[in-house]
Amino acid sequence: MHTPTIADPKNVANVLAELIDGSGKSRKEIAGAIGLVKPNMISMLKTGDTKLPLARLGSFAKAVGADPVALLKLCLQEYYPDVWEAIRLHLTAAISPDELRMVKALRNVTGVPYLSSISREERERLDEFLEILAKSSTVH
């Protein structure tokens, strides 16, 4: 799942173009998946001639394999900056499906709140792993 972030120096149209091109799906397939009749709307999203309708953001994210939370943040920041400023602190706590999957996996393994159940050495290894991820060029 591709995770666009608000730190990306690209605008929404560029991110949408990357997602669409990287999905391996045709414009017609994506349009159908998000409930649009005309595939040319997908081309218009790529060029920035039209905005991604927020009501279709979830189905679009699913169709192209994107993180809907990150995509929502990106769209709000560009399309509606005043709204973004008003709600950004509340959305910061929202987690993506991939993050939720990681939390569930940790809970399943330990059966308790994870960080309180690991040793100091395990915590240090986890911190090292997270530092590696933060520096990775594949983390978006």
C-alpha atoms as a PDB file:
ATOM      1  CA  MET A   1       0.000   0.000   0.000  1.00  0.00           C
ATOM      2  CA  HIS A   2       1.429   3.340  -1.023  1.00  0.00           C
ATOM      3  CA  THR A   3       1.301   5.946   1.687  1.00  0.00           C
ATOM      4  CA  PRO A   4       1.415   9.523   0.460  1.00  0.00           C
ATOM      5  CA  THR A   5       2.323  11.919   3.229  1.00  0.00           C
ATOM      6  CA  ILE A   6       1.696  15.597   3.756  1.00  0.00           C
ATOM      7  CA  ALA A   7       5.471  16.008   3.823  1.00  0.00           C
ATOM      8  CA  ASP A   8       5.640  15.007   0.144  1.00  0.00           C
ATOM      9  CA  PRO A   9       6.778  18.039  -1.857  1.00  0.00           C
ATOM     10  CA  LYS A  10       4.283  17.080  -4.575  1.00  0.00           C
ATOM     11  CA  ASN A  11       0.794  18.338  -5.056  1.00  0.00           C
ATOM     12  CA  VAL A  12      -2.226  16.075  -4.904  1.00  0.00           C
ATOM     13  CA  ALA A  13      -2.468  15.682  -8.694  1.00  0.00           C
ATOM     14  CA  ASN A  14       1.097  14.337  -8.863  1.00  0.00           C
ATOM     15  CA  VAL A  15       0.421  11.860  -6.054  1.00  0.00           C
ATOM     16  CA  LEU A  16      -2.839  10.759  -7.690  1.00  0.00           C
ATOM     17  CA  ALA A  17      -1.022  10.301 -11.012  1.00  0.00           C
ATOM     18  CA  GLU A  18       1.596   8.103  -9.306  1.00  0.00           C
ATOM     19  CA  LEU A  19      -1.093   6.061  -7.591  1.00  0.00           C
ATOM     20  CA  ILE A  20      -3.132   5.639 -10.769  1.00  0.00           C
ATOM     21  CA  ASP A  21      -0.120   4.725 -12.912  1.00  0.00           C
ATOM     22  CA  GLY A  22       1.236   2.385 -10.254  1.00  0.00           C
ATOM     23  CA  SER A  23      -2.059   0.570  -9.709  1.00  0.00           C
ATOM     24  CA  GLY A  24      -1.815  -1.485 -12.893  1.00  0.00           C
ATOM     25  CA  LYS A  25      -5.481  -0.723 -13.555  1.00  0.00           C
ATOM     26  CA  SER A  26      -7.059   1.048 -16.492  1.00  0.00           C
ATOM     27  CA  ARG A  27      -8.795   4.397 -16.145  1.00  0.00           C
ATOM     28  CA  LYS A  28     -12.070   2.593 -16.831  1.00  0.00           C
ATOM     29  CA  GLU A  29     -11.461   0.064 -14.032  1.00  0.00           C
ATOM     30  CA  ILE A  30     -10.605   2.780 -11.518  1.00  0.00           C
ATOM     31  CA  ALA A  31     -13.546   4.942 -12.576  1.00  0.00           C
ATOM     32  CA  GLY A  32     -15.913   1.983 -12.177  1.00  0.00           C
ATOM     33  CA  ALA A  33     -14.487   1.103  -8.768  1.00  0.00           C
ATOM     34  CA  ILE A  34     -15.112   4.606  -7.456  1.00  0.00           C
ATOM     35  CA  GLY A  35     -18.504   5.084  -9.057  1.00  0.00           C
ATOM     36  CA  LEU A  36     -17.598   7.444 -11.877  1.00  0.00           C
ATOM     37  CA  VAL A  37     -19.280   6.939 -15.231  1.00  0.00           C
ATOM     38  CA  LYS A  38     -16.590   8.560 -17.376  1.00  0.00           C
ATOM     39  CA  PRO A  39     -12.991   7.303 -17.296  1.00  0.00           C
ATOM     40  CA  ASN A  40     -11.766  10.701 -18.523  1.00  0.00           C
ATOM     41  CA  MET A  41     -12.341  11.921 -14.945  1.00  0.00           C
ATOM     42  CA  ILE A  42      -9.370   9.764 -13.951  1.00  0.00           C
ATOM     43  CA  SER A  43      -7.212  11.615 -16.484  1.00  0.00           C
ATOM     44  CA  MET A  44      -8.489  14.903 -15.087  1.00  0.00           C
ATOM     45  CA  LEU A  45      -7.463  13.820 -11.582  1.00  0.00           C
ATOM     46  CA  LYS A  46      -3.961  13.054 -12.849  1.00  0.00           C
ATOM     47  CA  THR A  47      -3.559  16.470 -14.451  1.00  0.00           C
ATOM     48  CA  GLY A  48      -5.154  18.374 -11.599  1.00  0.00           C
ATOM     49  CA  ASP A  49      -8.002  19.613 -13.795  1.00  0.00           C
ATOM     50  CA  THR A  50     -10.418  18.307 -11.182  1.00  0.00           C
ATOM     51  CA  LYS A  51     -10.176  17.489  -7.482  1.00  0.00           C
ATOM     52  CA  LEU A  52     -10.656  14.037  -6.056  1.00  0.00           C
ATOM     53  CA  PRO A  53     -14.173  14.104  -4.602  1.00  0.00           C
ATOM     54  CA  LEU A  54     -13.720  13.450  -0.895  1.00  0.00           C
ATOM     55  CA  ALA A  55     -16.882  11.333  -0.900  1.00  0.00           C
ATOM     56  CA  ARG A  56     -15.055   8.931  -3.249  1.00  0.00           C
ATOM     57  CA  LEU A  57     -11.672   9.082  -1.520  1.00  0.00           C
ATOM     58  CA  GLY A  58     -12.079   5.768   0.321  1.00  0.00           C
ATOM     59  CA  SER A  59     -13.079   3.804  -2.757  1.00  0.00           C
ATOM     60  CA  PHE A  60     -10.341   5.525  -4.789  1.00  0.00           C
ATOM     61  CA  ALA A  61      -7.710   4.608  -2.187  1.00  0.00           C
ATOM     62  CA  LYS A  62      -8.886   0.993  -2.218  1.00  0.00           C
ATOM     63  CA  ALA A  63      -8.902   0.871  -6.027  1.00  0.00           C
ATOM     64  CA  VAL A  64      -5.310   2.094  -6.330  1.00  0.00           C
ATOM     65  CA  GLY A  65      -3.895   0.480  -3.179  1.00  0.00           C
ATOM     66  CA  ALA A  66      -3.295   3.707  -1.270  1.00  0.00           C
ATOM     67  CA  ASP A  67      -3.511   4.553   2.413  1.00  0.00           C
ATOM     68  CA  PRO A  68      -6.856   6.388   2.771  1.00  0.00           C
ATOM     69  CA  VAL A  69      -5.836   8.245   5.942  1.00  0.00           C
ATOM     70  CA  ALA A  70      -2.681   9.692   4.387  1.00  0.00           C
ATOM     71  CA  LEU A  71      -4.562  10.524   1.182  1.00  0.00           C
ATOM     72  CA  LEU A  72      -7.291  12.330   3.126  1.00  0.00           C
ATOM     73  CA  LYS A  73      -4.702  14.392   4.980  1.00  0.00           C
ATOM     74  CA  LEU A  74      -2.969  15.306   1.726  1.00  0.00           C
ATOM     75  CA  CYS A  75      -6.228  16.281  -0.016  1.00  0.00           C
ATOM     76  CA  LEU A  76      -7.463  18.362   2.888  1.00  0.00           C
ATOM     77  CA  GLN A  77      -4.158  20.190   3.184  1.00  0.00           C
ATOM     78  CA  GLU A  78      -4.224  21.213  -0.479  1.00  0.00           C
ATOM     79  CA  TYR A  79      -7.929  21.496  -1.285  1.00  0.00           C
ATOM     80  CA  TYR A  80      -9.228  22.953   1.961  1.00  0.00           C
ATOM     81  CA  PRO A  81      -6.327  24.460   3.940  1.00  0.00           C
ATOM     82  CA  ASP A  82      -8.646  26.263   6.378  1.00  0.00           C
ATOM     83  CA  VAL A  83     -10.486  23.039   7.168  1.00  0.00           C
ATOM     84  CA  TRP A  84      -7.155  21.219   7.479  1.00  0.00           C
ATOM     85  CA  GLU A  85      -5.890  23.756  10.019  1.00  0.00           C
ATOM     86  CA  ALA A  86      -9.096  23.417  12.020  1.00  0.00           C
ATOM     87  CA  ILE A  87      -8.989  19.614  12.237  1.00  0.00           C
ATOM     88  CA  ARG A  88      -5.369  18.563  11.694  1.00  0.00           C
ATOM     89  CA  LEU A  89      -4.657  17.992  15.374  1.00  0.00           C
ATOM     90  CA  HIS A  90      -7.622  15.632  15.580  1.00  0.00           C
ATOM     91  CA  LEU A  91      -6.573  13.669  12.497  1.00  0.00           C
ATOM     92  CA  THR A  92      -2.988  13.280  13.629  1.00  0.00           C
ATOM     93  CA  ALA A  93      -4.148  10.499  15.932  1.00  0.00           C
ATOM     94  CA  ALA A  94      -5.892   8.641  13.076  1.00  0.00           C
ATOM     95  CA  ILE A  95      -4.002   5.520  12.092  1.00  0.00           C
ATOM     96  CA  SER A  96      -3.801   3.905   8.717  1.00  0.00           C
ATOM     97  CA  PRO A  97      -4.886   0.338   7.968  1.00  0.00           C
ATOM     98  CA  ASP A  98      -1.216  -0.727   7.870  1.00  0.00           C
ATOM     99  CA  GLU A  99      -0.559   0.849  11.272  1.00  0.00           C
ATOM    100  CA  LEU A 100      -3.650  -0.837  12.708  1.00  0.00           C
ATOM    101  CA  ARG A 101      -2.429  -4.163  11.340  1.00  0.00           C
ATOM    102  CA  MET A 102       0.894  -3.686  13.155  1.00  0.00           C
ATOM    103  CA  VAL A 103      -0.830  -2.800  16.430  1.00  0.00           C
ATOM    104  CA  LYS A 104      -3.108  -5.838  16.185  1.00  0.00           C
ATOM    105  CA  ALA A 105      -0.146  -8.104  15.448  1.00  0.00           C
ATOM    106  CA  LEU A 106       1.728  -6.807  18.503  1.00  0.00           C
ATOM    107  CA  ARG A 107      -1.328  -7.288  20.699  1.00  0.00           C
ATOM    108  CA  ASN A 108      -1.883 -10.813  19.400  1.00  0.00           C
ATOM    109  CA  VAL A 109       1.717 -11.768  20.180  1.00  0.00           C
ATOM    110  CA  THR A 110       1.830 -10.320  23.687  1.00  0.00           C
ATOM    111  CA  GLY A 111      -1.784 -10.259  24.808  1.00  0.00           C
ATOM    112  CA  VAL A 112      -1.003  -7.059  26.715  1.00  0.00           C
ATOM    113  CA  PRO A 113       0.043  -3.510  25.892  1.00  0.00           C
ATOM    114  CA  TYR A 114       3.224  -4.292  24.005  1.00  0.00           C
ATOM    115  CA  LEU A 115       5.735  -1.710  25.188  1.00  0.00           C
ATOM    116  CA  SER A 116       5.063  -2.381  28.853  1.00  0.00           C
ATOM    117  CA  SER A 117       5.596  -6.113  28.344  1.00  0.00           C
ATOM    118  CA  ILE A 118       9.003  -6.117  26.658  1.00  0.00           C
ATOM    119  CA  SER A 119      12.415  -6.051  28.230  1.00  0.00           C
ATOM    120  CA  ARG A 120      14.758  -3.093  28.054  1.00  0.00           C
ATOM    121  CA  GLU A 121      16.932  -4.936  25.506  1.00  0.00           C
ATOM    122  CA  GLU A 122      13.896  -5.711  23.322  1.00  0.00           C
ATOM    123  CA  ARG A 123      12.815  -2.080  23.536  1.00  0.00           C
ATOM    124  CA  GLU A 124      16.271  -0.945  22.387  1.00  0.00           C
ATOM    125  CA  ARG A 125      16.089  -3.330  19.412  1.00  0.00           C
ATOM    126  CA  LEU A 126      12.629  -2.012  18.570  1.00  0.00           C
ATOM    127  CA  ASP A 127      13.919   1.570  18.731  1.00  0.00           C
ATOM    128  CA  GLU A 128      16.820   0.631  16.412  1.00  0.00           C
ATOM    129  CA  PHE A 129      14.365  -0.970  13.972  1.00  0.00           C
ATOM    130  CA  LEU A 130      12.161   2.122  13.987  1.00  0.00           C
ATOM    131  CA  GLU A 131      15.183   4.343  13.325  1.00  0.00           C
ATOM    132  CA  ILE A 132      16.095   2.166  10.335  1.00  0.00           C
ATOM    133  CA  LEU A 133      12.541   2.479   9.020  1.00  0.00           C
ATOM    134  CA  ALA A 134      12.566   6.241   9.457  1.00  0.00           C
ATOM    135  CA  LYS A 135      15.750   6.502   7.384  1.00  0.00           C
ATOM    136  CA  SER A 136      14.573   4.081   4.696  1.00  0.00           C
ATOM    137  CA  SER A 137      14.047   5.416   1.204  1.00  0.00           C
ATOM    138  CA  THR A 138      11.104   3.010   0.788  1.00  0.00           C
ATOM    139  CA  VAL A 139       9.104   4.560   3.616  1.00  0.00           C
ATOM    140  CA  HIS A 140       6.819   7.220   2.233  1.00  0.00           C
END
